N, C-alpha and C. Protein backbone atom coordinates (compact mmCIF):
# COMPACT_ATOMS: atom_id res chain seq x y z
N GLU A 1 -68.33 -14.79 -211.56
CA GLU A 1 -67.46 -14.20 -212.60
C GLU A 1 -67.05 -12.76 -212.32
N VAL A 2 -67.18 -12.50 -211.03
CA VAL A 2 -66.69 -11.13 -210.42
C VAL A 2 -65.61 -11.50 -209.39
N ASP A 3 -64.46 -10.94 -209.63
CA ASP A 3 -63.34 -11.07 -208.74
C ASP A 3 -63.18 -9.93 -207.78
N LEU A 4 -63.02 -10.26 -206.45
CA LEU A 4 -62.85 -9.16 -205.52
C LEU A 4 -61.59 -9.39 -204.82
N TYR A 5 -60.76 -8.32 -204.71
CA TYR A 5 -59.42 -8.42 -204.01
C TYR A 5 -59.37 -7.33 -203.02
N ALA A 6 -58.75 -7.73 -201.79
CA ALA A 6 -58.64 -6.84 -200.70
C ALA A 6 -57.15 -6.46 -200.64
N VAL A 7 -56.88 -5.23 -200.35
CA VAL A 7 -55.49 -4.81 -200.09
C VAL A 7 -55.32 -4.69 -198.61
N ILE A 8 -54.47 -5.46 -198.02
CA ILE A 8 -54.21 -5.51 -196.62
C ILE A 8 -52.90 -5.01 -196.25
N ASP A 9 -52.84 -4.07 -195.23
CA ASP A 9 -51.55 -3.54 -194.90
C ASP A 9 -50.81 -4.56 -193.88
N GLU A 10 -49.63 -4.12 -193.43
CA GLU A 10 -48.80 -4.94 -192.63
C GLU A 10 -49.48 -5.31 -191.25
N THR A 11 -50.37 -4.52 -190.82
CA THR A 11 -51.05 -4.79 -189.54
C THR A 11 -52.32 -5.66 -189.72
N GLY A 12 -52.66 -5.99 -190.95
CA GLY A 12 -53.90 -6.85 -191.28
C GLY A 12 -55.06 -5.97 -191.47
N ARG A 13 -54.91 -4.67 -191.59
CA ARG A 13 -56.02 -3.77 -191.77
C ARG A 13 -56.35 -3.70 -193.29
N GLU A 14 -57.66 -3.74 -193.63
CA GLU A 14 -57.99 -3.55 -195.04
C GLU A 14 -57.88 -2.07 -195.41
N VAL A 15 -57.08 -1.78 -196.43
CA VAL A 15 -56.83 -0.44 -196.81
C VAL A 15 -57.23 -0.11 -198.30
N GLY A 16 -57.68 -1.16 -198.99
CA GLY A 16 -58.07 -1.04 -200.39
C GLY A 16 -58.77 -2.16 -200.88
N MET A 17 -59.33 -1.98 -202.19
CA MET A 17 -60.10 -3.04 -202.73
C MET A 17 -60.07 -2.89 -204.22
N LEU A 18 -60.19 -3.96 -204.97
CA LEU A 18 -60.34 -4.07 -206.38
C LEU A 18 -61.56 -5.00 -206.69
N GLU A 19 -62.38 -4.63 -207.61
CA GLU A 19 -63.39 -5.49 -208.12
C GLU A 19 -63.24 -5.51 -209.68
N LEU A 20 -63.19 -6.76 -210.20
CA LEU A 20 -62.99 -7.01 -211.63
C LEU A 20 -64.21 -7.86 -212.11
N ASP A 21 -64.86 -7.37 -213.08
CA ASP A 21 -66.12 -8.03 -213.54
C ASP A 21 -65.85 -8.72 -214.89
N PHE A 22 -66.01 -10.01 -215.02
CA PHE A 22 -65.82 -10.78 -216.28
C PHE A 22 -67.10 -11.38 -216.74
N ARG A 23 -68.27 -10.82 -216.42
CA ARG A 23 -69.50 -11.43 -216.82
C ARG A 23 -69.88 -11.26 -218.27
N GLU A 24 -69.24 -10.36 -218.93
CA GLU A 24 -69.40 -10.20 -220.37
C GLU A 24 -68.34 -11.02 -221.05
N THR A 25 -68.66 -11.90 -221.99
CA THR A 25 -67.73 -12.74 -222.57
C THR A 25 -66.63 -11.95 -223.35
N GLY A 26 -65.37 -12.22 -223.12
CA GLY A 26 -64.34 -11.59 -223.81
C GLY A 26 -63.95 -10.20 -223.22
N GLU A 27 -64.66 -9.81 -222.13
CA GLU A 27 -64.37 -8.43 -221.56
C GLU A 27 -64.03 -8.48 -220.05
N GLY A 28 -63.16 -7.60 -219.72
CA GLY A 28 -63.00 -7.44 -218.21
C GLY A 28 -63.24 -5.99 -217.93
N GLU A 29 -64.00 -5.76 -216.93
CA GLU A 29 -64.35 -4.44 -216.50
C GLU A 29 -63.74 -4.13 -215.14
N LEU A 30 -62.98 -3.09 -215.00
CA LEU A 30 -62.45 -2.58 -213.74
C LEU A 30 -63.63 -1.91 -213.10
N ALA A 31 -64.44 -2.62 -212.22
CA ALA A 31 -65.63 -2.14 -211.66
C ALA A 31 -65.42 -1.18 -210.53
N PHE A 32 -64.48 -1.46 -209.72
CA PHE A 32 -64.21 -0.70 -208.51
C PHE A 32 -62.79 -0.69 -208.04
N VAL A 33 -62.26 0.48 -207.76
CA VAL A 33 -60.98 0.65 -207.13
C VAL A 33 -61.02 1.59 -205.98
N TRP A 34 -60.52 1.16 -204.82
CA TRP A 34 -60.65 1.97 -203.57
C TRP A 34 -59.42 1.85 -202.71
N LEU A 35 -59.02 2.91 -202.25
CA LEU A 35 -57.95 3.07 -201.23
C LEU A 35 -58.36 3.95 -200.13
N ILE A 36 -57.94 3.72 -198.93
CA ILE A 36 -58.29 4.68 -197.93
C ILE A 36 -57.63 6.04 -198.20
N SER A 37 -58.21 7.07 -197.75
CA SER A 37 -57.80 8.47 -198.11
C SER A 37 -56.40 8.81 -197.58
N GLU A 38 -56.01 8.22 -196.54
CA GLU A 38 -54.66 8.47 -196.01
C GLU A 38 -53.58 7.98 -196.92
N LEU A 39 -53.81 6.99 -197.81
CA LEU A 39 -52.85 6.49 -198.71
C LEU A 39 -52.80 7.31 -200.06
N SER A 40 -53.75 8.24 -200.22
CA SER A 40 -53.80 9.05 -201.48
C SER A 40 -52.59 9.89 -201.62
N GLY A 41 -52.14 9.97 -202.83
CA GLY A 41 -50.96 10.82 -203.26
C GLY A 41 -49.62 10.29 -202.96
N GLN A 42 -49.56 8.97 -202.50
CA GLN A 42 -48.25 8.41 -202.22
C GLN A 42 -47.86 7.25 -203.23
N GLY A 43 -48.60 7.18 -204.34
CA GLY A 43 -48.24 6.15 -205.35
C GLY A 43 -48.88 4.84 -205.13
N HIS A 44 -49.54 4.63 -204.09
CA HIS A 44 -50.28 3.34 -203.85
C HIS A 44 -51.41 3.17 -204.88
N GLY A 45 -52.09 4.15 -205.28
CA GLY A 45 -53.22 4.06 -206.26
C GLY A 45 -52.61 3.70 -207.64
N ARG A 46 -51.46 4.20 -208.00
CA ARG A 46 -50.77 3.75 -209.25
C ARG A 46 -50.53 2.25 -209.26
N TRP A 47 -49.97 1.82 -208.07
CA TRP A 47 -49.69 0.41 -207.86
C TRP A 47 -50.91 -0.45 -208.01
N LEU A 48 -51.98 0.03 -207.30
CA LEU A 48 -53.28 -0.75 -207.33
C LEU A 48 -53.87 -0.85 -208.69
N LEU A 49 -53.82 0.28 -209.36
CA LEU A 49 -54.41 0.31 -210.75
C LEU A 49 -53.53 -0.66 -211.70
N ALA A 50 -52.27 -0.57 -211.52
CA ALA A 50 -51.33 -1.46 -212.36
C ALA A 50 -51.74 -2.96 -212.05
N GLU A 51 -51.99 -3.28 -210.70
CA GLU A 51 -52.41 -4.64 -210.43
C GLU A 51 -53.69 -4.98 -211.03
N ALA A 52 -54.72 -4.07 -211.02
CA ALA A 52 -55.97 -4.27 -211.69
C ALA A 52 -55.88 -4.64 -213.13
N VAL A 53 -55.01 -3.86 -213.88
CA VAL A 53 -54.86 -4.02 -215.24
C VAL A 53 -54.14 -5.39 -215.48
N ARG A 54 -53.18 -5.75 -214.70
CA ARG A 54 -52.40 -6.98 -214.84
C ARG A 54 -53.45 -8.24 -214.58
N LEU A 55 -54.24 -8.08 -213.53
CA LEU A 55 -55.17 -9.14 -213.23
C LEU A 55 -56.33 -9.26 -214.28
N ALA A 56 -56.76 -8.15 -214.85
CA ALA A 56 -57.86 -8.11 -215.85
C ALA A 56 -57.49 -8.76 -217.21
N TRP A 57 -56.25 -8.60 -217.61
CA TRP A 57 -55.80 -9.12 -218.93
C TRP A 57 -55.50 -10.63 -218.66
N ARG A 58 -56.44 -11.52 -218.86
CA ARG A 58 -56.31 -12.94 -218.70
C ARG A 58 -56.73 -13.68 -219.95
N ASP A 59 -56.45 -14.93 -220.04
CA ASP A 59 -56.86 -15.71 -221.22
C ASP A 59 -58.35 -15.45 -221.51
N GLY A 60 -58.68 -15.21 -222.81
CA GLY A 60 -60.01 -15.01 -223.28
C GLY A 60 -60.51 -13.61 -223.14
N VAL A 61 -59.73 -12.68 -222.54
CA VAL A 61 -60.20 -11.29 -222.44
C VAL A 61 -59.55 -10.46 -223.60
N ALA A 62 -60.36 -9.97 -224.49
CA ALA A 62 -59.94 -9.12 -225.60
C ALA A 62 -59.98 -7.64 -225.35
N ARG A 63 -60.82 -7.31 -224.29
CA ARG A 63 -61.03 -5.84 -223.99
C ARG A 63 -61.15 -5.65 -222.51
N VAL A 64 -60.41 -4.68 -221.92
CA VAL A 64 -60.53 -4.26 -220.57
C VAL A 64 -60.94 -2.76 -220.58
N HIS A 65 -62.05 -2.55 -219.73
CA HIS A 65 -62.55 -1.16 -219.75
C HIS A 65 -62.88 -0.74 -218.31
N VAL A 66 -63.08 0.52 -218.12
CA VAL A 66 -63.50 1.12 -216.93
C VAL A 66 -64.46 2.29 -217.14
N HIS A 67 -65.37 2.46 -216.27
CA HIS A 67 -66.27 3.58 -216.29
C HIS A 67 -65.88 4.54 -215.19
N THR A 68 -65.83 5.80 -215.53
CA THR A 68 -65.56 6.78 -214.52
C THR A 68 -66.62 7.95 -214.62
N CYS A 69 -66.73 8.75 -213.60
CA CYS A 69 -67.65 9.79 -213.63
C CYS A 69 -67.18 10.95 -212.69
N THR A 70 -67.85 12.06 -212.67
CA THR A 70 -67.41 13.25 -211.90
C THR A 70 -67.56 12.89 -210.41
N LEU A 71 -68.19 11.91 -209.98
CA LEU A 71 -68.30 11.53 -208.59
C LEU A 71 -67.02 10.76 -208.09
N ASP A 72 -66.25 10.27 -209.01
CA ASP A 72 -64.97 9.63 -208.70
C ASP A 72 -63.93 10.66 -208.25
N HIS A 73 -62.85 10.19 -207.68
CA HIS A 73 -61.79 11.08 -207.28
C HIS A 73 -61.43 11.97 -208.39
N PRO A 74 -61.10 13.22 -208.19
CA PRO A 74 -60.72 14.21 -209.23
C PRO A 74 -59.58 13.66 -210.09
N ALA A 75 -58.66 12.86 -209.58
CA ALA A 75 -57.56 12.47 -210.35
C ALA A 75 -57.85 11.09 -211.08
N ALA A 76 -59.01 10.60 -210.99
CA ALA A 76 -59.35 9.24 -211.56
C ALA A 76 -59.10 9.13 -213.03
N LEU A 77 -59.67 10.07 -213.75
CA LEU A 77 -59.54 9.98 -215.17
C LEU A 77 -58.06 10.02 -215.72
N SER A 78 -57.32 10.98 -215.13
CA SER A 78 -55.82 10.98 -215.48
C SER A 78 -55.16 9.76 -215.05
N ALA A 79 -55.51 9.16 -213.95
CA ALA A 79 -54.85 7.99 -213.47
C ALA A 79 -55.22 6.73 -214.42
N TYR A 80 -56.48 6.70 -214.91
CA TYR A 80 -56.78 5.66 -215.86
C TYR A 80 -56.04 5.83 -217.18
N ARG A 81 -55.94 7.09 -217.62
CA ARG A 81 -55.17 7.33 -218.85
C ARG A 81 -53.74 6.92 -218.71
N ARG A 82 -53.15 7.27 -217.56
CA ARG A 82 -51.73 6.84 -217.42
C ARG A 82 -51.58 5.40 -217.36
N ALA A 83 -52.65 4.71 -216.88
CA ALA A 83 -52.52 3.26 -216.85
C ALA A 83 -52.76 2.60 -218.19
N GLY A 84 -53.04 3.38 -219.28
CA GLY A 84 -53.18 2.88 -220.62
C GLY A 84 -54.61 2.89 -221.14
N PHE A 85 -55.63 3.32 -220.33
CA PHE A 85 -56.92 3.35 -220.84
C PHE A 85 -57.08 4.59 -221.70
N GLU A 86 -57.98 4.49 -222.70
CA GLU A 86 -58.24 5.64 -223.62
C GLU A 86 -59.66 6.00 -223.58
N PRO A 87 -60.05 7.22 -223.58
CA PRO A 87 -61.48 7.60 -223.54
C PRO A 87 -62.18 7.01 -224.83
N TYR A 88 -63.39 6.40 -224.56
CA TYR A 88 -64.09 5.83 -225.66
C TYR A 88 -65.42 6.54 -225.90
N ARG A 89 -66.02 7.01 -224.93
CA ARG A 89 -67.33 7.68 -225.01
C ARG A 89 -67.52 8.64 -223.88
N ARG A 90 -68.27 9.72 -224.13
CA ARG A 90 -68.61 10.61 -223.01
C ARG A 90 -70.12 10.77 -223.01
N ALA A 91 -70.68 10.79 -221.82
CA ALA A 91 -72.13 10.87 -221.68
C ALA A 91 -72.50 11.78 -220.54
N ILE A 92 -73.67 12.47 -220.68
CA ILE A 92 -74.14 13.28 -219.56
C ILE A 92 -75.34 12.56 -219.03
N GLU A 93 -75.29 12.33 -217.69
CA GLU A 93 -76.36 11.58 -217.08
C GLU A 93 -76.97 12.54 -215.97
N HIS A 94 -78.23 12.45 -215.78
CA HIS A 94 -78.84 13.25 -214.70
C HIS A 94 -79.49 12.33 -213.66
N PHE A 95 -79.20 12.66 -212.41
CA PHE A 95 -79.81 11.91 -211.35
C PHE A 95 -79.86 12.74 -210.13
N PRO A 96 -80.78 12.49 -209.16
CA PRO A 96 -80.76 13.25 -207.90
C PRO A 96 -79.43 13.19 -207.17
N ASP A 97 -78.93 14.32 -206.58
CA ASP A 97 -77.71 14.27 -205.84
C ASP A 97 -77.94 13.45 -204.58
N PRO A 98 -77.12 12.39 -204.47
CA PRO A 98 -77.29 11.51 -203.25
C PRO A 98 -76.90 12.27 -201.91
N ARG A 99 -76.27 13.30 -202.06
CA ARG A 99 -75.96 14.10 -200.79
C ARG A 99 -77.25 14.92 -200.32
N LEU A 100 -78.01 15.31 -201.24
CA LEU A 100 -79.28 15.94 -200.96
C LEU A 100 -80.37 14.93 -200.44
N LEU A 101 -80.21 13.70 -200.96
CA LEU A 101 -81.19 12.64 -200.53
C LEU A 101 -80.87 12.04 -199.23
N GLY A 102 -79.66 12.41 -198.69
CA GLY A 102 -79.24 11.89 -197.37
C GLY A 102 -78.56 10.49 -197.46
N VAL A 103 -78.24 10.04 -198.78
CA VAL A 103 -77.63 8.76 -199.02
C VAL A 103 -76.14 8.79 -198.70
N LEU A 104 -75.55 9.99 -199.03
CA LEU A 104 -74.08 10.27 -198.82
C LEU A 104 -74.06 11.49 -197.94
N PRO A 105 -72.89 11.64 -197.19
CA PRO A 105 -72.78 12.88 -196.34
C PRO A 105 -72.59 14.04 -197.28
N ARG A 106 -73.03 15.24 -196.81
CA ARG A 106 -73.09 16.49 -197.62
C ARG A 106 -71.65 16.85 -198.02
N ASP A 107 -70.65 16.48 -197.25
CA ASP A 107 -69.24 16.87 -197.60
C ASP A 107 -68.59 15.88 -198.43
N CYS A 108 -69.27 14.88 -199.01
CA CYS A 108 -68.76 13.82 -199.95
C CYS A 108 -68.61 14.48 -201.25
N ALA A 109 -67.57 14.13 -202.06
CA ALA A 109 -67.30 14.65 -203.38
C ALA A 109 -67.23 16.20 -203.35
N PRO A 110 -66.40 16.74 -202.61
CA PRO A 110 -66.25 18.18 -202.61
C PRO A 110 -65.94 18.87 -203.95
N GLN A 111 -65.51 18.15 -204.90
CA GLN A 111 -65.13 18.68 -206.19
C GLN A 111 -66.41 19.00 -206.97
N ILE A 112 -67.52 18.47 -206.53
CA ILE A 112 -68.82 18.65 -207.23
C ILE A 112 -69.65 19.72 -206.46
N PRO A 113 -70.03 20.85 -207.13
CA PRO A 113 -70.84 21.78 -206.33
C PRO A 113 -72.11 21.18 -205.80
N LEU A 114 -72.47 21.49 -204.63
CA LEU A 114 -73.78 21.07 -203.98
C LEU A 114 -74.84 22.18 -204.22
N ILE A 115 -75.75 21.84 -205.03
CA ILE A 115 -76.79 22.88 -205.47
C ILE A 115 -78.07 22.42 -204.87
N GLY A 116 -78.68 23.18 -203.99
CA GLY A 116 -79.98 22.87 -203.45
C GLY A 116 -80.08 22.84 -201.95
C-alpha cells in the first residue's frame, strides 16, 4: 500500500523519487519527495509535487497530507503550500543531531545551525 515512483531523465538516470503511503484507510500521505540538487530551482520540483498530488487523490482517498520539518529543503513548506496543502499542526521535536552522530555529513542541512 506504498507506491514508489522514480523520475528518470532522458539518459535513463534516476533524478528524483516520489513515495506515497496509503496504509491508513481513506488517507494518502506524501511520504517522500526527492530531486537531485542540480535540478533545484528550475521548476522540476513544482512539477513533481503536482504529480504527487495528482497521484495521491484516488478513489477512496478523502485526505492527502504531508509532514515536513526543518531538516527538509528550506523551500519545502512554501512549496507544499503553493501545491494546496494547508498547515494543520506545529510540533517541536527533540532528537540528537544526526550530523553530530556521524549518520549524515556535517555539511548536510546547512540551513540548520550545527551546535556541538
